Amino acid sequence: MNNHRITRAGAAVIAIASIAAFAGCASTPPPNDKIAVAQAALSRAEQNGAPEYAPVELSTARDKLARAQAAQADHKFMPATELAEQANIDARLAEATADEQKSEKAGAQFDASMQALRRTSLQNANSTN
């Protein structure tokens, strides 16, 4: 008789755990919107020079987006959501890094142009004297 009670108790525990697991899955919606946002951020980063100026950050974003899509396909919505959010952040970082690198490059080119202009101006001033 004790074995029968243990079996019922075990079955009840399994049933409650199963319900909780299914409820946890049901409460997390598919992260379609988060994946779309990450894809858009990745696209912006690619268009703004991240492949050249921020390849590591861009690669990280691509990897996390691919992992988010795989998790979503496996109906693992919580990890998919987290990975999509991380991919979005990494893509935005790649874009910001690319923008910063491009700005630094433009600043260095401007400085070089200004120095060349100064040299030319000094040479012209010296040659007229």
N, C-alpha and C. Protein backbone atom coordinates (compact mmCIF):
# COMPACT_ATOMS: atom_id res chain seq x y z
N MET A 1 0.81 -1.19 0.00
CA MET A 1 0.00 0.00 0.00
C MET A 1 0.86 1.26 0.00
N ASN A 2 2.01 1.22 0.70
CA ASN A 2 2.90 2.37 0.70
C ASN A 2 3.48 2.62 -0.68
N ASN A 3 3.77 1.53 -1.41
CA ASN A 3 4.29 1.69 -2.76
C ASN A 3 3.28 2.39 -3.66
N HIS A 4 2.02 2.11 -3.47
CA HIS A 4 0.97 2.73 -4.26
C HIS A 4 0.90 4.22 -3.98
N ARG A 5 1.05 4.62 -2.71
CA ARG A 5 1.04 6.04 -2.36
C ARG A 5 2.26 6.75 -2.93
N ILE A 6 3.41 6.11 -2.88
CA ILE A 6 4.62 6.72 -3.43
C ILE A 6 4.45 6.92 -4.93
N THR A 7 3.85 5.96 -5.60
CA THR A 7 3.64 6.07 -7.03
C THR A 7 2.70 7.22 -7.34
N ARG A 8 1.64 7.37 -6.56
CA ARG A 8 0.72 8.49 -6.77
C ARG A 8 1.41 9.81 -6.48
N ALA A 9 2.20 9.86 -5.43
CA ALA A 9 2.92 11.09 -5.08
C ALA A 9 3.94 11.42 -6.17
N GLY A 10 4.65 10.41 -6.64
CA GLY A 10 5.61 10.62 -7.72
C GLY A 10 4.92 11.09 -8.99
N ALA A 11 3.79 10.50 -9.29
CA ALA A 11 3.05 10.90 -10.48
C ALA A 11 2.55 12.33 -10.33
N ALA A 12 2.15 12.70 -9.14
CA ALA A 12 1.68 14.07 -8.91
C ALA A 12 2.82 15.06 -9.08
N VAL A 13 3.99 14.71 -8.56
CA VAL A 13 5.15 15.59 -8.71
C VAL A 13 5.52 15.74 -10.18
N ILE A 14 5.53 14.64 -10.91
CA ILE A 14 5.85 14.69 -12.33
C ILE A 14 4.81 15.52 -13.09
N ALA A 15 3.55 15.36 -12.75
CA ALA A 15 2.49 16.12 -13.42
C ALA A 15 2.65 17.61 -13.14
N ILE A 16 2.93 17.97 -11.90
CA ILE A 16 3.10 19.39 -11.54
C ILE A 16 4.33 19.97 -12.23
N ALA A 17 5.42 19.20 -12.25
CA ALA A 17 6.63 19.67 -12.93
C ALA A 17 6.39 19.85 -14.42
N SER A 18 5.65 18.93 -15.01
CA SER A 18 5.35 19.03 -16.45
C SER A 18 4.49 20.25 -16.74
N ILE A 19 3.50 20.47 -15.92
CA ILE A 19 2.62 21.63 -16.10
C ILE A 19 3.43 22.92 -15.95
N ALA A 20 4.30 22.95 -14.95
CA ALA A 20 5.13 24.15 -14.75
C ALA A 20 6.06 24.37 -15.94
N ALA A 21 6.61 23.31 -16.46
CA ALA A 21 7.51 23.43 -17.62
C ALA A 21 6.75 23.94 -18.84
N PHE A 22 5.57 23.38 -19.08
CA PHE A 22 4.78 23.84 -20.22
C PHE A 22 4.29 25.26 -20.01
N ALA A 23 3.94 25.60 -18.78
CA ALA A 23 3.50 26.96 -18.50
C ALA A 23 4.64 27.95 -18.72
N GLY A 24 5.86 27.54 -18.35
CA GLY A 24 7.03 28.40 -18.57
C GLY A 24 7.26 28.63 -20.04
N CYS A 25 7.08 27.61 -20.86
CA CYS A 25 7.25 27.76 -22.30
C CYS A 25 6.15 28.62 -22.89
N ALA A 26 4.95 28.42 -22.40
CA ALA A 26 3.81 29.15 -22.93
C ALA A 26 3.87 30.62 -22.56
N SER A 27 4.48 30.95 -21.42
CA SER A 27 4.51 32.34 -20.98
C SER A 27 5.55 33.16 -21.73
N THR A 28 6.51 32.52 -22.37
CA THR A 28 7.51 33.23 -23.16
C THR A 28 7.11 33.16 -24.62
N PRO A 29 6.71 34.30 -25.18
CA PRO A 29 6.29 34.26 -26.58
C PRO A 29 7.48 34.11 -27.52
N PRO A 30 7.25 33.68 -28.73
CA PRO A 30 8.34 33.61 -29.71
C PRO A 30 8.95 35.01 -29.90
N PRO A 31 10.26 35.10 -29.96
CA PRO A 31 10.90 36.41 -30.02
C PRO A 31 11.01 36.98 -31.44
N ASN A 32 9.94 36.85 -32.22
CA ASN A 32 9.97 37.32 -33.60
C ASN A 32 10.39 38.77 -33.70
N ASP A 33 9.81 39.62 -32.85
CA ASP A 33 10.13 41.04 -32.91
C ASP A 33 11.56 41.32 -32.50
N LYS A 34 12.05 40.62 -31.50
CA LYS A 34 13.43 40.83 -31.05
C LYS A 34 14.43 40.37 -32.10
N ILE A 35 14.12 39.28 -32.77
CA ILE A 35 14.99 38.80 -33.85
C ILE A 35 14.97 39.79 -35.01
N ALA A 36 13.81 40.33 -35.33
CA ALA A 36 13.71 41.31 -36.41
C ALA A 36 14.51 42.57 -36.08
N VAL A 37 14.44 43.01 -34.83
CA VAL A 37 15.19 44.19 -34.40
C VAL A 37 16.69 43.92 -34.52
N ALA A 38 17.12 42.74 -34.10
CA ALA A 38 18.54 42.38 -34.19
C ALA A 38 18.99 42.31 -35.65
N GLN A 39 18.13 41.76 -36.52
CA GLN A 39 18.46 41.69 -37.95
C GLN A 39 18.62 43.09 -38.53
N ALA A 40 17.73 43.99 -38.15
CA ALA A 40 17.80 45.37 -38.65
C ALA A 40 19.07 46.06 -38.16
N ALA A 41 19.41 45.85 -36.89
CA ALA A 41 20.63 46.44 -36.34
C ALA A 41 21.87 45.89 -37.03
N LEU A 42 21.84 44.61 -37.32
CA LEU A 42 22.96 43.97 -38.02
C LEU A 42 23.10 44.54 -39.43
N SER A 43 21.99 44.72 -40.10
CA SER A 43 22.00 45.28 -41.44
C SER A 43 22.56 46.71 -41.44
N ARG A 44 22.12 47.52 -40.47
CA ARG A 44 22.64 48.89 -40.34
C ARG A 44 24.14 48.89 -40.10
N ALA A 45 24.59 48.00 -39.23
CA ALA A 45 26.03 47.92 -38.93
C ALA A 45 26.82 47.55 -40.19
N GLU A 46 26.29 46.61 -40.95
CA GLU A 46 26.97 46.19 -42.18
C GLU A 46 27.04 47.34 -43.19
N GLN A 47 25.96 48.10 -43.29
CA GLN A 47 25.91 49.22 -44.22
C GLN A 47 26.79 50.39 -43.78
N ASN A 48 27.06 50.48 -42.49
CA ASN A 48 27.84 51.61 -41.96
C ASN A 48 29.31 51.28 -41.75
N GLY A 49 29.79 50.23 -42.39
CA GLY A 49 31.22 49.97 -42.38
C GLY A 49 31.73 49.00 -41.34
N ALA A 50 30.85 48.33 -40.63
CA ALA A 50 31.29 47.39 -39.60
C ALA A 50 32.14 46.24 -40.16
N PRO A 51 31.87 45.74 -41.38
CA PRO A 51 32.74 44.67 -41.88
C PRO A 51 34.20 45.09 -41.95
N GLU A 52 34.45 46.36 -42.25
CA GLU A 52 35.82 46.85 -42.36
C GLU A 52 36.36 47.34 -41.02
N TYR A 53 35.53 48.07 -40.27
CA TYR A 53 36.02 48.76 -39.08
C TYR A 53 35.72 48.04 -37.75
N ALA A 54 34.80 47.11 -37.75
CA ALA A 54 34.44 46.41 -36.51
C ALA A 54 34.09 44.95 -36.80
N PRO A 55 35.02 44.21 -37.43
CA PRO A 55 34.69 42.84 -37.84
C PRO A 55 34.45 41.89 -36.67
N VAL A 56 35.15 42.08 -35.57
CA VAL A 56 34.97 41.18 -34.42
C VAL A 56 33.58 41.36 -33.82
N GLU A 57 33.21 42.61 -33.60
CA GLU A 57 31.90 42.90 -33.02
C GLU A 57 30.78 42.42 -33.95
N LEU A 58 30.97 42.63 -35.24
CA LEU A 58 29.98 42.21 -36.22
C LEU A 58 29.84 40.69 -36.23
N SER A 59 30.96 40.00 -36.17
CA SER A 59 30.95 38.54 -36.15
C SER A 59 30.23 38.01 -34.91
N THR A 60 30.46 38.65 -33.79
CA THR A 60 29.79 38.26 -32.54
C THR A 60 28.28 38.44 -32.68
N ALA A 61 27.87 39.56 -33.26
CA ALA A 61 26.43 39.81 -33.45
C ALA A 61 25.81 38.78 -34.38
N ARG A 62 26.50 38.48 -35.47
CA ARG A 62 25.99 37.48 -36.41
C ARG A 62 25.84 36.11 -35.75
N ASP A 63 26.84 35.74 -34.97
CA ASP A 63 26.82 34.44 -34.28
C ASP A 63 25.64 34.36 -33.32
N LYS A 64 25.45 35.41 -32.53
CA LYS A 64 24.34 35.39 -31.55
C LYS A 64 22.99 35.40 -32.25
N LEU A 65 22.88 36.12 -33.36
CA LEU A 65 21.62 36.11 -34.10
C LEU A 65 21.34 34.72 -34.65
N ALA A 66 22.34 34.07 -35.20
CA ALA A 66 22.16 32.70 -35.72
C ALA A 66 21.76 31.75 -34.60
N ARG A 67 22.38 31.90 -33.43
CA ARG A 67 22.02 31.05 -32.29
C ARG A 67 20.60 31.35 -31.80
N ALA A 68 20.20 32.61 -31.86
CA ALA A 68 18.83 32.99 -31.46
C ALA A 68 17.82 32.36 -32.42
N GLN A 69 18.11 32.41 -33.70
CA GLN A 69 17.22 31.81 -34.69
C GLN A 69 17.13 30.30 -34.51
N ALA A 70 18.25 29.66 -34.20
CA ALA A 70 18.24 28.21 -33.98
C ALA A 70 17.44 27.86 -32.73
N ALA A 71 17.62 28.66 -31.68
CA ALA A 71 16.86 28.40 -30.44
C ALA A 71 15.37 28.61 -30.67
N GLN A 72 15.02 29.62 -31.45
CA GLN A 72 13.61 29.85 -31.75
C GLN A 72 13.03 28.67 -32.54
N ALA A 73 13.79 28.16 -33.50
CA ALA A 73 13.33 27.02 -34.29
C ALA A 73 13.11 25.79 -33.42
N ASP A 74 13.89 25.69 -32.33
CA ASP A 74 13.75 24.59 -31.38
C ASP A 74 12.70 24.89 -30.30
N HIS A 75 11.99 25.99 -30.45
CA HIS A 75 10.97 26.43 -29.49
C HIS A 75 11.56 26.70 -28.10
N LYS A 76 12.79 27.13 -28.08
CA LYS A 76 13.45 27.54 -26.83
C LYS A 76 13.42 29.06 -26.81
N PHE A 77 12.24 29.59 -26.45
CA PHE A 77 11.99 31.02 -26.63
C PHE A 77 12.76 31.91 -25.66
N MET A 78 12.98 31.45 -24.43
CA MET A 78 13.71 32.28 -23.48
C MET A 78 15.16 32.48 -23.93
N PRO A 79 15.91 31.41 -24.23
CA PRO A 79 17.27 31.63 -24.73
C PRO A 79 17.28 32.40 -26.06
N ALA A 80 16.30 32.14 -26.91
CA ALA A 80 16.23 32.84 -28.19
C ALA A 80 16.04 34.33 -27.97
N THR A 81 15.20 34.70 -27.02
CA THR A 81 14.96 36.10 -26.71
C THR A 81 16.24 36.75 -26.19
N GLU A 82 16.90 36.08 -25.26
CA GLU A 82 18.13 36.64 -24.68
C GLU A 82 19.22 36.79 -25.74
N LEU A 83 19.38 35.80 -26.59
CA LEU A 83 20.39 35.87 -27.65
C LEU A 83 20.07 36.95 -28.67
N ALA A 84 18.80 37.11 -29.00
CA ALA A 84 18.40 38.16 -29.95
C ALA A 84 18.70 39.54 -29.36
N GLU A 85 18.42 39.71 -28.07
CA GLU A 85 18.73 40.98 -27.42
C GLU A 85 20.23 41.24 -27.41
N GLN A 86 21.00 40.21 -27.13
CA GLN A 86 22.46 40.35 -27.13
C GLN A 86 22.98 40.65 -28.54
N ALA A 87 22.40 39.99 -29.53
CA ALA A 87 22.80 40.24 -30.92
C ALA A 87 22.52 41.68 -31.31
N ASN A 88 21.39 42.20 -30.88
CA ASN A 88 21.05 43.60 -31.14
C ASN A 88 22.08 44.54 -30.52
N ILE A 89 22.44 44.28 -29.28
CA ILE A 89 23.43 45.12 -28.59
C ILE A 89 24.78 45.02 -29.28
N ASP A 90 25.18 43.80 -29.64
CA ASP A 90 26.47 43.62 -30.31
C ASP A 90 26.49 44.29 -31.69
N ALA A 91 25.38 44.23 -32.40
CA ALA A 91 25.30 44.89 -33.71
C ALA A 91 25.38 46.40 -33.54
N ARG A 92 24.72 46.93 -32.53
CA ARG A 92 24.79 48.37 -32.27
C ARG A 92 26.20 48.77 -31.87
N LEU A 93 26.87 47.92 -31.11
CA LEU A 93 28.26 48.18 -30.75
C LEU A 93 29.14 48.17 -32.00
N ALA A 94 28.91 47.22 -32.89
CA ALA A 94 29.68 47.16 -34.14
C ALA A 94 29.47 48.43 -34.95
N GLU A 95 28.24 48.88 -35.02
CA GLU A 95 27.95 50.11 -35.77
C GLU A 95 28.64 51.32 -35.13
N ALA A 96 28.55 51.42 -33.80
CA ALA A 96 29.18 52.54 -33.10
C ALA A 96 30.70 52.49 -33.24
N THR A 97 31.26 51.30 -33.15
CA THR A 97 32.71 51.14 -33.31
C THR A 97 33.13 51.55 -34.72
N ALA A 98 32.37 51.13 -35.72
CA ALA A 98 32.68 51.52 -37.10
C ALA A 98 32.58 53.03 -37.27
N ASP A 99 31.55 53.63 -36.70
CA ASP A 99 31.41 55.09 -36.79
C ASP A 99 32.60 55.79 -36.14
N GLU A 100 33.00 55.29 -34.98
CA GLU A 100 34.14 55.89 -34.27
C GLU A 100 35.43 55.75 -35.09
N GLN A 101 35.64 54.57 -35.64
CA GLN A 101 36.84 54.33 -36.45
C GLN A 101 36.86 55.23 -37.70
N LYS A 102 35.70 55.35 -38.34
CA LYS A 102 35.62 56.21 -39.52
C LYS A 102 35.87 57.67 -39.14
N SER A 103 35.36 58.09 -37.99
CA SER A 103 35.59 59.47 -37.53
C SER A 103 37.05 59.71 -37.24
N GLU A 104 37.69 58.74 -36.59
CA GLU A 104 39.11 58.88 -36.30
C GLU A 104 39.93 58.95 -37.59
N LYS A 105 39.57 58.14 -38.55
CA LYS A 105 40.27 58.14 -39.83
C LYS A 105 40.07 59.48 -40.53
N ALA A 106 38.85 59.98 -40.53
CA ALA A 106 38.57 61.28 -41.15
C ALA A 106 39.32 62.40 -40.44
N GLY A 107 39.39 62.32 -39.10
CA GLY A 107 40.12 63.32 -38.34
C GLY A 107 41.61 63.30 -38.67
N ALA A 108 42.16 62.11 -38.79
CA ALA A 108 43.58 61.98 -39.12
C ALA A 108 43.84 62.52 -40.53
N GLN A 109 42.94 62.25 -41.46
CA GLN A 109 43.09 62.77 -42.82
C GLN A 109 42.99 64.29 -42.83
N PHE A 110 42.09 64.83 -42.02
CA PHE A 110 41.95 66.28 -41.92
C PHE A 110 43.23 66.90 -41.35
N ASP A 111 43.74 66.29 -40.29
CA ASP A 111 44.99 66.80 -39.70
C ASP A 111 46.13 66.76 -40.71
N ALA A 112 46.24 65.68 -41.47
CA ALA A 112 47.29 65.57 -42.47
C ALA A 112 47.12 66.64 -43.55
N SER A 113 45.89 66.88 -43.95
CA SER A 113 45.63 67.92 -44.96
C SER A 113 45.99 69.30 -44.42
N MET A 114 45.66 69.54 -43.16
CA MET A 114 45.99 70.84 -42.56
C MET A 114 47.51 71.03 -42.47
N GLN A 115 48.23 69.99 -42.12
CA GLN A 115 49.70 70.08 -42.05
C GLN A 115 50.29 70.33 -43.44
N ALA A 116 49.76 69.68 -44.45
CA ALA A 116 50.24 69.89 -45.82
C ALA A 116 49.95 71.31 -46.26
N LEU A 117 48.79 71.82 -45.90
CA LEU A 117 48.43 73.19 -46.25
C LEU A 117 49.34 74.19 -45.55
N ARG A 118 49.66 73.92 -44.29
CA ARG A 118 50.57 74.80 -43.55
C ARG A 118 51.96 74.81 -44.19
N ARG A 119 52.43 73.60 -44.54
CA ARG A 119 53.75 73.52 -45.19
C ARG A 119 53.75 74.30 -46.50
N THR A 120 52.73 74.11 -47.29
CA THR A 120 52.64 74.83 -48.57
C THR A 120 52.57 76.34 -48.34
N SER A 121 51.80 76.72 -47.35
CA SER A 121 51.67 78.14 -47.04
C SER A 121 53.02 78.72 -46.59
N LEU A 122 53.74 77.99 -45.74
CA LEU A 122 55.06 78.45 -45.29
C LEU A 122 56.05 78.51 -46.44
N GLN A 123 56.00 77.51 -47.30
CA GLN A 123 56.90 77.51 -48.47
C GLN A 123 56.61 78.69 -49.38
N ASN A 124 55.33 78.97 -49.58
CA ASN A 124 54.96 80.10 -50.42
C ASN A 124 55.38 81.42 -49.78
N ALA A 125 55.22 81.49 -48.46
CA ALA A 125 55.61 82.72 -47.76
C ALA A 125 57.11 82.90 -47.81
N ASN A 126 57.87 81.82 -47.66
CA ASN A 126 59.32 81.89 -47.69
C ASN A 126 59.84 82.19 -49.10
N SER A 127 59.18 81.69 -50.11
CA SER A 127 59.65 81.92 -51.48
C SER A 127 59.35 83.34 -51.94
N THR A 128 58.37 83.98 -51.39
CA THR A 128 58.07 85.36 -51.79
C THR A 128 58.95 86.35 -51.05
N ASN A 129 59.59 85.93 -49.99
CA ASN A 129 60.45 86.84 -49.23
C ASN A 129 61.81 86.85 -49.76
